[in-house]
Amino acid sequence: MINVFFPDEEISTDDLYFVCYMIERVARHLKQPNKYVVNMMGHDELAKKLSLADTLHSENPLAVEADWIDDYQLQPGDYDVTKVDAELCPTIPTATQMGKVYKRLILNTIESNEDYADAILRVYNNPICTVIDNYNGSAYYEPSPYIARSYYAGGFV
């Protein structure tokens, strides 16, 4: 994907990871599903955030989170991914860990006609994300190739 501000620069996979991490942070903070955040931002804004990621990653993540909430008028909800059965999930995965899970899923399923912003919207709007984000299950820590195969199969087997 080409940087929208500097057309001679490519967006890196680290930039993709940063955006996935921030999507997770914002969604958790607001108690909203990840797809709410990406859908409220839309393709063009995601492309801008991907293009600025190499700079934004050096900012305070709390400030970046607050900016995204304000910029996109994101509202609180009641979808709390951290509300789990402690016996089934003694340690909740961090936002950084889940950012990596989604980055790898995007990279493993990206189509030739997509840029990263398209792929983010496609992946986060897939019903499989509800399974991945249910930390009472094991989907989020399965190997990346298995998660990608499950994505294409329409669910985990």
N, C-alpha and C. Protein backbone atom coordinates (compact mmCIF):
# COMPACT_ATOMS: atom_id res chain seq x y z
N MET A 1 0.85 -1.18 0.00
CA MET A 1 0.00 0.00 0.00
C MET A 1 0.89 1.23 0.00
N ILE A 2 0.49 2.21 -0.75
CA ILE A 2 1.23 3.46 -0.87
C ILE A 2 0.74 4.46 0.17
N ASN A 3 1.66 5.18 0.78
CA ASN A 3 1.35 6.22 1.74
C ASN A 3 0.54 7.32 1.03
N VAL A 4 -0.59 7.72 1.61
CA VAL A 4 -1.43 8.72 0.95
C VAL A 4 -0.84 10.12 1.00
N PHE A 5 0.08 10.37 1.92
CA PHE A 5 0.70 11.68 2.03
C PHE A 5 2.03 11.77 1.29
N PHE A 6 2.72 10.64 1.21
CA PHE A 6 4.03 10.58 0.55
C PHE A 6 4.00 9.41 -0.43
N PRO A 7 3.55 9.64 -1.66
CA PRO A 7 3.35 8.56 -2.63
C PRO A 7 4.59 7.73 -2.98
N ASP A 8 5.76 8.21 -2.61
CA ASP A 8 6.96 7.42 -2.87
C ASP A 8 7.29 6.47 -1.71
N GLU A 9 6.47 6.47 -0.67
CA GLU A 9 6.70 5.60 0.49
C GLU A 9 5.63 4.52 0.58
N GLU A 10 6.05 3.34 1.00
CA GLU A 10 5.14 2.20 1.21
C GLU A 10 4.73 2.14 2.68
N ILE A 11 3.53 1.66 2.91
CA ILE A 11 3.07 1.38 4.27
C ILE A 11 3.67 0.04 4.66
N SER A 12 4.24 -0.04 5.83
CA SER A 12 4.89 -1.28 6.27
C SER A 12 3.93 -2.15 7.07
N THR A 13 4.33 -3.38 7.27
CA THR A 13 3.52 -4.28 8.11
C THR A 13 3.53 -3.79 9.57
N ASP A 14 4.59 -3.09 9.97
CA ASP A 14 4.60 -2.50 11.32
C ASP A 14 3.54 -1.41 11.44
N ASP A 15 3.33 -0.65 10.36
CA ASP A 15 2.28 0.36 10.36
C ASP A 15 0.91 -0.30 10.48
N LEU A 16 0.73 -1.40 9.77
CA LEU A 16 -0.51 -2.15 9.86
C LEU A 16 -0.72 -2.64 11.29
N TYR A 17 0.33 -3.18 11.90
CA TYR A 17 0.23 -3.66 13.28
C TYR A 17 -0.18 -2.52 14.21
N PHE A 18 0.44 -1.36 14.08
CA PHE A 18 0.12 -0.24 14.95
C PHE A 18 -1.36 0.12 14.85
N VAL A 19 -1.89 0.18 13.64
CA VAL A 19 -3.29 0.54 13.46
C VAL A 19 -4.19 -0.54 14.08
N CYS A 20 -3.86 -1.81 13.90
CA CYS A 20 -4.65 -2.89 14.50
C CYS A 20 -4.61 -2.79 16.03
N TYR A 21 -3.44 -2.49 16.57
CA TYR A 21 -3.28 -2.31 18.01
C TYR A 21 -4.15 -1.16 18.50
N MET A 22 -4.14 -0.04 17.80
CA MET A 22 -4.94 1.11 18.22
C MET A 22 -6.44 0.83 18.08
N ILE A 23 -6.84 0.10 17.05
CA ILE A 23 -8.24 -0.28 16.92
C ILE A 23 -8.67 -1.07 18.16
N GLU A 24 -7.83 -2.00 18.57
CA GLU A 24 -8.11 -2.81 19.76
C GLU A 24 -8.19 -1.93 21.01
N ARG A 25 -7.25 -1.04 21.18
CA ARG A 25 -7.24 -0.14 22.36
C ARG A 25 -8.52 0.69 22.42
N VAL A 26 -8.86 1.31 21.30
CA VAL A 26 -10.03 2.19 21.26
C VAL A 26 -11.30 1.38 21.52
N ALA A 27 -11.41 0.23 20.87
CA ALA A 27 -12.60 -0.61 21.05
C ALA A 27 -12.74 -1.05 22.51
N ARG A 28 -11.66 -1.47 23.12
CA ARG A 28 -11.72 -1.88 24.53
C ARG A 28 -12.09 -0.72 25.43
N HIS A 29 -11.50 0.43 25.17
CA HIS A 29 -11.79 1.61 25.99
C HIS A 29 -13.28 1.97 25.93
N LEU A 30 -13.85 1.90 24.74
CA LEU A 30 -15.25 2.27 24.54
C LEU A 30 -16.23 1.13 24.83
N LYS A 31 -15.70 -0.08 25.01
CA LYS A 31 -16.54 -1.28 25.14
C LYS A 31 -17.42 -1.45 23.90
N GLN A 32 -16.74 -1.42 22.76
CA GLN A 32 -17.37 -1.60 21.45
C GLN A 32 -16.63 -2.72 20.72
N PRO A 33 -17.28 -3.39 19.79
CA PRO A 33 -16.55 -4.35 18.94
C PRO A 33 -15.57 -3.59 18.04
N ASN A 34 -14.51 -4.27 17.65
CA ASN A 34 -13.52 -3.66 16.76
C ASN A 34 -14.15 -3.15 15.48
N LYS A 35 -15.13 -3.88 14.96
CA LYS A 35 -15.73 -3.47 13.69
C LYS A 35 -16.44 -2.12 13.80
N TYR A 36 -16.93 -1.79 14.98
CA TYR A 36 -17.53 -0.48 15.18
C TYR A 36 -16.50 0.62 14.89
N VAL A 37 -15.32 0.46 15.45
CA VAL A 37 -14.26 1.47 15.27
C VAL A 37 -13.87 1.59 13.80
N VAL A 38 -13.61 0.45 13.13
CA VAL A 38 -13.16 0.53 11.73
C VAL A 38 -14.27 1.06 10.82
N ASN A 39 -15.51 0.69 11.10
CA ASN A 39 -16.61 1.17 10.25
C ASN A 39 -16.86 2.66 10.44
N MET A 40 -16.68 3.15 11.66
CA MET A 40 -16.86 4.59 11.90
C MET A 40 -15.72 5.39 11.24
N MET A 41 -14.55 4.79 11.15
CA MET A 41 -13.42 5.47 10.51
C MET A 41 -13.54 5.43 8.99
N GLY A 42 -13.83 4.27 8.45
CA GLY A 42 -13.96 4.12 7.01
C GLY A 42 -12.61 4.00 6.32
N HIS A 43 -12.66 3.66 5.06
CA HIS A 43 -11.46 3.38 4.27
C HIS A 43 -10.47 4.54 4.23
N ASP A 44 -10.94 5.73 3.87
CA ASP A 44 -10.02 6.85 3.67
C ASP A 44 -9.31 7.24 4.96
N GLU A 45 -10.03 7.23 6.07
CA GLU A 45 -9.40 7.58 7.34
C GLU A 45 -8.44 6.48 7.81
N LEU A 46 -8.80 5.23 7.57
CA LEU A 46 -7.87 4.15 7.89
C LEU A 46 -6.60 4.28 7.06
N ALA A 47 -6.74 4.63 5.80
CA ALA A 47 -5.57 4.82 4.94
C ALA A 47 -4.69 5.96 5.47
N LYS A 48 -5.31 7.01 5.97
CA LYS A 48 -4.54 8.12 6.55
C LYS A 48 -3.81 7.67 7.81
N LYS A 49 -4.50 6.93 8.67
CA LYS A 49 -3.87 6.46 9.91
C LYS A 49 -2.73 5.49 9.60
N LEU A 50 -2.90 4.64 8.61
CA LEU A 50 -1.82 3.75 8.19
C LEU A 50 -0.63 4.57 7.68
N SER A 51 -0.91 5.64 6.97
CA SER A 51 0.14 6.49 6.41
C SER A 51 0.87 7.29 7.49
N LEU A 52 0.20 7.55 8.59
CA LEU A 52 0.81 8.32 9.69
C LEU A 52 1.35 7.43 10.81
N ALA A 53 1.17 6.13 10.69
CA ALA A 53 1.50 5.21 11.78
C ALA A 53 2.96 5.29 12.21
N ASP A 54 3.86 5.48 11.26
CA ASP A 54 5.28 5.52 11.64
C ASP A 54 5.59 6.71 12.54
N THR A 55 4.76 7.75 12.50
CA THR A 55 4.90 8.90 13.40
C THR A 55 4.05 8.71 14.64
N LEU A 56 2.83 8.26 14.47
CA LEU A 56 1.91 8.10 15.60
C LEU A 56 2.39 7.10 16.64
N HIS A 57 3.17 6.11 16.21
CA HIS A 57 3.60 5.10 17.18
C HIS A 57 4.51 5.68 18.26
N SER A 58 5.10 6.85 18.00
CA SER A 58 5.96 7.47 19.01
C SER A 58 5.17 8.40 19.95
N GLU A 59 3.91 8.58 19.67
CA GLU A 59 3.04 9.38 20.53
C GLU A 59 2.55 8.55 21.71
N ASN A 60 2.05 9.21 22.72
CA ASN A 60 1.44 8.52 23.86
C ASN A 60 0.19 7.80 23.35
N PRO A 61 0.09 6.48 23.54
CA PRO A 61 -1.08 5.75 23.03
C PRO A 61 -2.40 6.25 23.62
N LEU A 62 -2.38 6.75 24.85
CA LEU A 62 -3.60 7.29 25.43
C LEU A 62 -4.06 8.54 24.69
N ALA A 63 -3.11 9.35 24.25
CA ALA A 63 -3.44 10.56 23.48
C ALA A 63 -3.96 10.19 22.10
N VAL A 64 -3.33 9.21 21.45
CA VAL A 64 -3.79 8.76 20.14
C VAL A 64 -5.20 8.19 20.26
N GLU A 65 -5.42 7.39 21.29
CA GLU A 65 -6.74 6.82 21.54
C GLU A 65 -7.78 7.93 21.72
N ALA A 66 -7.49 8.92 22.54
CA ALA A 66 -8.42 10.03 22.78
C ALA A 66 -8.68 10.81 21.49
N ASP A 67 -7.64 11.00 20.68
CA ASP A 67 -7.82 11.71 19.41
C ASP A 67 -8.76 10.95 18.48
N TRP A 68 -8.56 9.64 18.39
CA TRP A 68 -9.43 8.85 17.51
C TRP A 68 -10.88 8.92 18.00
N ILE A 69 -11.08 8.82 19.29
CA ILE A 69 -12.44 8.87 19.84
C ILE A 69 -13.09 10.21 19.49
N ASP A 70 -12.33 11.29 19.66
CA ASP A 70 -12.87 12.62 19.35
C ASP A 70 -13.05 12.83 17.86
N ASP A 71 -12.03 12.48 17.08
CA ASP A 71 -12.06 12.73 15.64
C ASP A 71 -13.21 12.01 14.94
N TYR A 72 -13.52 10.80 15.39
CA TYR A 72 -14.54 9.99 14.72
C TYR A 72 -15.84 9.91 15.52
N GLN A 73 -15.93 10.74 16.57
CA GLN A 73 -17.13 10.82 17.41
C GLN A 73 -17.62 9.44 17.84
N LEU A 74 -16.67 8.65 18.33
CA LEU A 74 -16.97 7.28 18.75
C LEU A 74 -17.66 7.30 20.10
N GLN A 75 -18.67 6.47 20.24
CA GLN A 75 -19.50 6.45 21.44
C GLN A 75 -19.27 5.16 22.25
N PRO A 76 -19.42 5.25 23.57
CA PRO A 76 -19.29 4.05 24.40
C PRO A 76 -20.42 3.05 24.12
N GLY A 77 -20.11 1.78 24.37
CA GLY A 77 -21.10 0.73 24.21
C GLY A 77 -21.08 -0.18 25.42
N ASP A 78 -21.51 -1.41 25.23
CA ASP A 78 -21.52 -2.36 26.34
C ASP A 78 -20.92 -3.72 25.94
N TYR A 79 -20.07 -3.71 24.93
CA TYR A 79 -19.42 -4.92 24.45
C TYR A 79 -18.03 -4.99 25.10
N ASP A 80 -17.92 -5.75 26.17
CA ASP A 80 -16.68 -5.79 26.93
C ASP A 80 -15.96 -7.12 26.70
N VAL A 81 -14.94 -7.11 25.84
CA VAL A 81 -14.21 -8.34 25.54
C VAL A 81 -13.40 -8.83 26.73
N THR A 82 -13.17 -7.96 27.71
CA THR A 82 -12.37 -8.36 28.86
C THR A 82 -13.21 -9.02 29.96
N LYS A 83 -14.50 -9.06 29.78
CA LYS A 83 -15.37 -9.70 30.76
C LYS A 83 -15.42 -11.20 30.41
N VAL A 84 -14.61 -11.97 31.14
CA VAL A 84 -14.45 -13.39 30.83
C VAL A 84 -14.58 -14.23 32.09
N ASP A 85 -14.73 -15.51 31.90
CA ASP A 85 -14.71 -16.47 32.99
C ASP A 85 -13.25 -16.70 33.37
N ALA A 86 -12.88 -16.34 34.58
CA ALA A 86 -11.47 -16.43 35.01
C ALA A 86 -10.94 -17.85 34.98
N GLU A 87 -11.80 -18.84 35.09
CA GLU A 87 -11.34 -20.23 35.01
C GLU A 87 -11.00 -20.62 33.57
N LEU A 88 -11.72 -20.06 32.63
CA LEU A 88 -11.46 -20.37 31.21
C LEU A 88 -10.36 -19.50 30.64
N CYS A 89 -10.24 -18.30 31.15
CA CYS A 89 -9.26 -17.34 30.62
C CYS A 89 -8.61 -16.61 31.79
N PRO A 90 -7.61 -17.23 32.41
CA PRO A 90 -6.98 -16.58 33.57
C PRO A 90 -6.20 -15.30 33.21
N THR A 91 -5.75 -15.20 31.98
CA THR A 91 -5.00 -14.02 31.53
C THR A 91 -5.60 -13.52 30.22
N ILE A 92 -6.13 -12.32 30.25
CA ILE A 92 -6.73 -11.72 29.06
C ILE A 92 -5.60 -11.24 28.14
N PRO A 93 -5.68 -11.56 26.84
CA PRO A 93 -4.65 -11.07 25.93
C PRO A 93 -4.64 -9.55 25.90
N THR A 94 -3.46 -9.00 25.76
CA THR A 94 -3.33 -7.54 25.73
C THR A 94 -3.74 -6.99 24.35
N ALA A 95 -3.91 -5.69 24.31
CA ALA A 95 -4.22 -5.04 23.03
C ALA A 95 -3.07 -5.24 22.04
N THR A 96 -1.84 -5.25 22.52
CA THR A 96 -0.72 -5.49 21.61
C THR A 96 -0.76 -6.90 21.05
N GLN A 97 -1.09 -7.87 21.89
CA GLN A 97 -1.18 -9.25 21.41
C GLN A 97 -2.29 -9.39 20.37
N MET A 98 -3.43 -8.79 20.62
CA MET A 98 -4.54 -8.90 19.68
C MET A 98 -4.27 -8.09 18.41
N GLY A 99 -3.53 -7.00 18.52
CA GLY A 99 -3.11 -6.27 17.32
C GLY A 99 -2.29 -7.16 16.41
N LYS A 100 -1.42 -7.98 17.00
CA LYS A 100 -0.61 -8.91 16.22
C LYS A 100 -1.46 -10.01 15.59
N VAL A 101 -2.45 -10.51 16.32
CA VAL A 101 -3.34 -11.54 15.78
C VAL A 101 -4.05 -11.02 14.54
N TYR A 102 -4.59 -9.81 14.64
CA TYR A 102 -5.32 -9.25 13.50
C TYR A 102 -4.40 -8.85 12.36
N LYS A 103 -3.22 -8.34 12.68
CA LYS A 103 -2.25 -8.01 11.62
C LYS A 103 -1.94 -9.26 10.81
N ARG A 104 -1.66 -10.36 11.51
CA ARG A 104 -1.31 -11.60 10.80
C ARG A 104 -2.50 -12.13 9.99
N LEU A 105 -3.71 -12.02 10.53
CA LEU A 105 -4.89 -12.48 9.78
C LEU A 105 -5.06 -11.64 8.51
N ILE A 106 -4.87 -10.35 8.63
CA ILE A 106 -4.97 -9.47 7.46
C ILE A 106 -3.90 -9.84 6.42
N LEU A 107 -2.67 -10.01 6.87
CA LEU A 107 -1.59 -10.34 5.93
C LEU A 107 -1.78 -11.72 5.30
N ASN A 108 -2.34 -12.65 6.05
CA ASN A 108 -2.55 -14.00 5.52
C ASN A 108 -3.76 -14.10 4.59
N THR A 109 -4.63 -13.09 4.58
CA THR A 109 -5.83 -13.17 3.75
C THR A 109 -5.95 -12.02 2.76
N ILE A 110 -4.97 -11.13 2.72
CA ILE A 110 -5.09 -9.97 1.84
C ILE A 110 -5.18 -10.42 0.38
N GLU A 111 -6.05 -9.77 -0.35
CA GLU A 111 -6.26 -10.11 -1.75
C GLU A 111 -5.47 -9.15 -2.64
N SER A 112 -5.17 -9.58 -3.84
CA SER A 112 -4.31 -8.80 -4.74
C SER A 112 -4.89 -7.43 -5.08
N ASN A 113 -6.20 -7.30 -5.04
CA ASN A 113 -6.82 -6.02 -5.40
C ASN A 113 -7.09 -5.13 -4.19
N GLU A 114 -6.61 -5.52 -3.01
CA GLU A 114 -6.87 -4.77 -1.79
C GLU A 114 -5.63 -4.00 -1.32
N ASP A 115 -5.89 -2.88 -0.67
CA ASP A 115 -4.84 -2.25 0.12
C ASP A 115 -5.11 -2.60 1.58
N TYR A 116 -4.24 -2.17 2.48
CA TYR A 116 -4.41 -2.54 3.89
C TYR A 116 -5.73 -2.02 4.47
N ALA A 117 -6.15 -0.83 4.07
CA ALA A 117 -7.41 -0.28 4.59
C ALA A 117 -8.59 -1.15 4.17
N ASP A 118 -8.62 -1.58 2.91
CA ASP A 118 -9.67 -2.50 2.45
C ASP A 118 -9.66 -3.79 3.26
N ALA A 119 -8.47 -4.33 3.46
CA ALA A 119 -8.34 -5.60 4.17
C ALA A 119 -8.75 -5.47 5.63
N ILE A 120 -8.44 -4.35 6.26
CA ILE A 120 -8.88 -4.11 7.64
C ILE A 120 -10.40 -4.15 7.70
N LEU A 121 -11.04 -3.43 6.83
CA LEU A 121 -12.51 -3.40 6.82
C LEU A 121 -13.10 -4.78 6.57
N ARG A 122 -12.52 -5.53 5.64
CA ARG A 122 -13.02 -6.87 5.32
C ARG A 122 -12.88 -7.81 6.51
N VAL A 123 -11.69 -7.84 7.09
CA VAL A 123 -11.43 -8.78 8.18
C VAL A 123 -12.25 -8.43 9.42
N TYR A 124 -12.22 -7.19 9.85
CA TYR A 124 -12.91 -6.82 11.08
C TYR A 124 -14.44 -6.93 10.96
N ASN A 125 -14.96 -6.96 9.75
CA ASN A 125 -16.40 -7.12 9.56
C ASN A 125 -16.81 -8.57 9.35
N ASN A 126 -15.85 -9.49 9.39
CA ASN A 126 -16.15 -10.90 9.23
C ASN A 126 -16.66 -11.48 10.55
N PRO A 127 -17.68 -12.33 10.50
CA PRO A 127 -18.21 -12.92 11.74
C PRO A 127 -17.19 -13.70 12.57
N ILE A 128 -16.10 -14.13 11.96
CA ILE A 128 -15.09 -14.89 12.70
C ILE A 128 -14.47 -14.05 13.82
N CYS A 129 -14.52 -12.73 13.70
CA CYS A 129 -13.95 -11.87 14.74
C CYS A 129 -14.67 -12.03 16.07
N THR A 130 -15.95 -12.34 16.04
CA THR A 130 -16.69 -12.58 17.28
C THR A 130 -16.11 -13.78 18.00
N VAL A 131 -15.70 -14.79 17.25
CA VAL A 131 -15.09 -15.99 17.85
C VAL A 131 -13.69 -15.67 18.35
N ILE A 132 -12.91 -14.97 17.54
CA ILE A 132 -11.54 -14.62 17.94
C ILE A 132 -11.56 -13.76 19.21
N ASP A 133 -12.51 -12.85 19.30
CA ASP A 133 -12.57 -11.93 20.44
C ASP A 133 -13.27 -12.52 21.66
N ASN A 134 -13.71 -13.77 21.59
CA ASN A 134 -14.27 -14.43 22.77
C ASN A 134 -13.12 -15.14 23.47
N TYR A 135 -12.57 -14.50 24.49
CA TYR A 135 -11.39 -15.03 25.17
C TYR A 135 -11.70 -16.23 26.06
N ASN A 136 -12.96 -16.59 26.20
CA ASN A 136 -13.31 -17.83 26.90
C ASN A 136 -13.00 -19.05 26.02
N GLY A 137 -12.78 -18.81 24.75
CA GLY A 137 -12.40 -19.86 23.81
C GLY A 137 -10.92 -19.79 23.52
N SER A 138 -10.49 -20.55 22.54
CA SER A 138 -9.05 -20.62 22.25
C SER A 138 -8.66 -20.04 20.90
N ALA A 139 -9.61 -19.49 20.18
CA ALA A 139 -9.34 -19.06 18.81
C ALA A 139 -8.22 -18.02 18.72
N TYR A 140 -8.17 -17.09 19.65
CA TYR A 140 -7.20 -16.00 19.54
C TYR A 140 -5.76 -16.45 19.68
N TYR A 141 -5.52 -17.58 20.31
CA TYR A 141 -4.12 -18.02 20.43
C TYR A 141 -3.77 -19.21 19.56
N GLU A 142 -4.62 -19.52 18.63
CA GLU A 142 -4.31 -20.57 17.65
C GLU A 142 -3.23 -20.05 16.70
N PRO A 143 -2.49 -20.94 16.07
CA PRO A 143 -1.46 -20.49 15.10
C PRO A 143 -2.10 -19.70 13.95
N SER A 144 -1.37 -18.71 13.47
CA SER A 144 -1.88 -17.83 12.41
C SER A 144 -2.39 -18.56 11.18
N PRO A 145 -1.68 -19.61 10.68
CA PRO A 145 -2.20 -20.31 9.51
C PRO A 145 -3.56 -20.97 9.78
N TYR A 146 -3.75 -21.47 11.00
CA TYR A 146 -5.03 -22.09 11.36
C TYR A 146 -6.15 -21.04 11.40
N ILE A 147 -5.83 -19.87 11.96
CA ILE A 147 -6.83 -18.80 12.00
C ILE A 147 -7.20 -18.39 10.57
N ALA A 148 -6.22 -18.28 9.69
CA ALA A 148 -6.50 -17.91 8.29
C ALA A 148 -7.35 -18.97 7.59
N ARG A 149 -7.01 -20.25 7.81
CA ARG A 149 -7.82 -21.33 7.20
C ARG A 149 -9.24 -21.29 7.74
N SER A 150 -9.38 -21.01 9.03
CA SER A 150 -10.70 -20.93 9.64
C SER A 150 -11.47 -19.75 9.07
N TYR A 151 -10.78 -18.66 8.80
CA TYR A 151 -11.41 -17.50 8.17
C TYR A 151 -12.01 -17.90 6.83
N TYR A 152 -11.20 -18.57 6.01
CA TYR A 152 -11.69 -18.99 4.69
C TYR A 152 -12.78 -20.06 4.79
N ALA A 153 -12.73 -20.89 5.82
CA ALA A 153 -13.74 -21.94 6.01
C ALA A 153 -15.03 -21.41 6.60
N GLY A 154 -15.01 -20.18 7.06
CA GLY A 154 -16.22 -19.61 7.64
C GLY A 154 -16.39 -19.87 9.11
N GLY A 155 -15.36 -20.38 9.77
CA GLY A 155 -15.42 -20.62 11.20
C GLY A 155 -14.39 -21.63 11.65
N PHE A 156 -14.26 -21.75 12.94
CA PHE A 156 -13.32 -22.70 13.52
C PHE A 156 -13.96 -24.07 13.64
N VAL A 157 -13.17 -25.09 13.39
CA VAL A 157 -13.70 -26.46 13.45
C VAL A 157 -13.12 -27.16 14.65
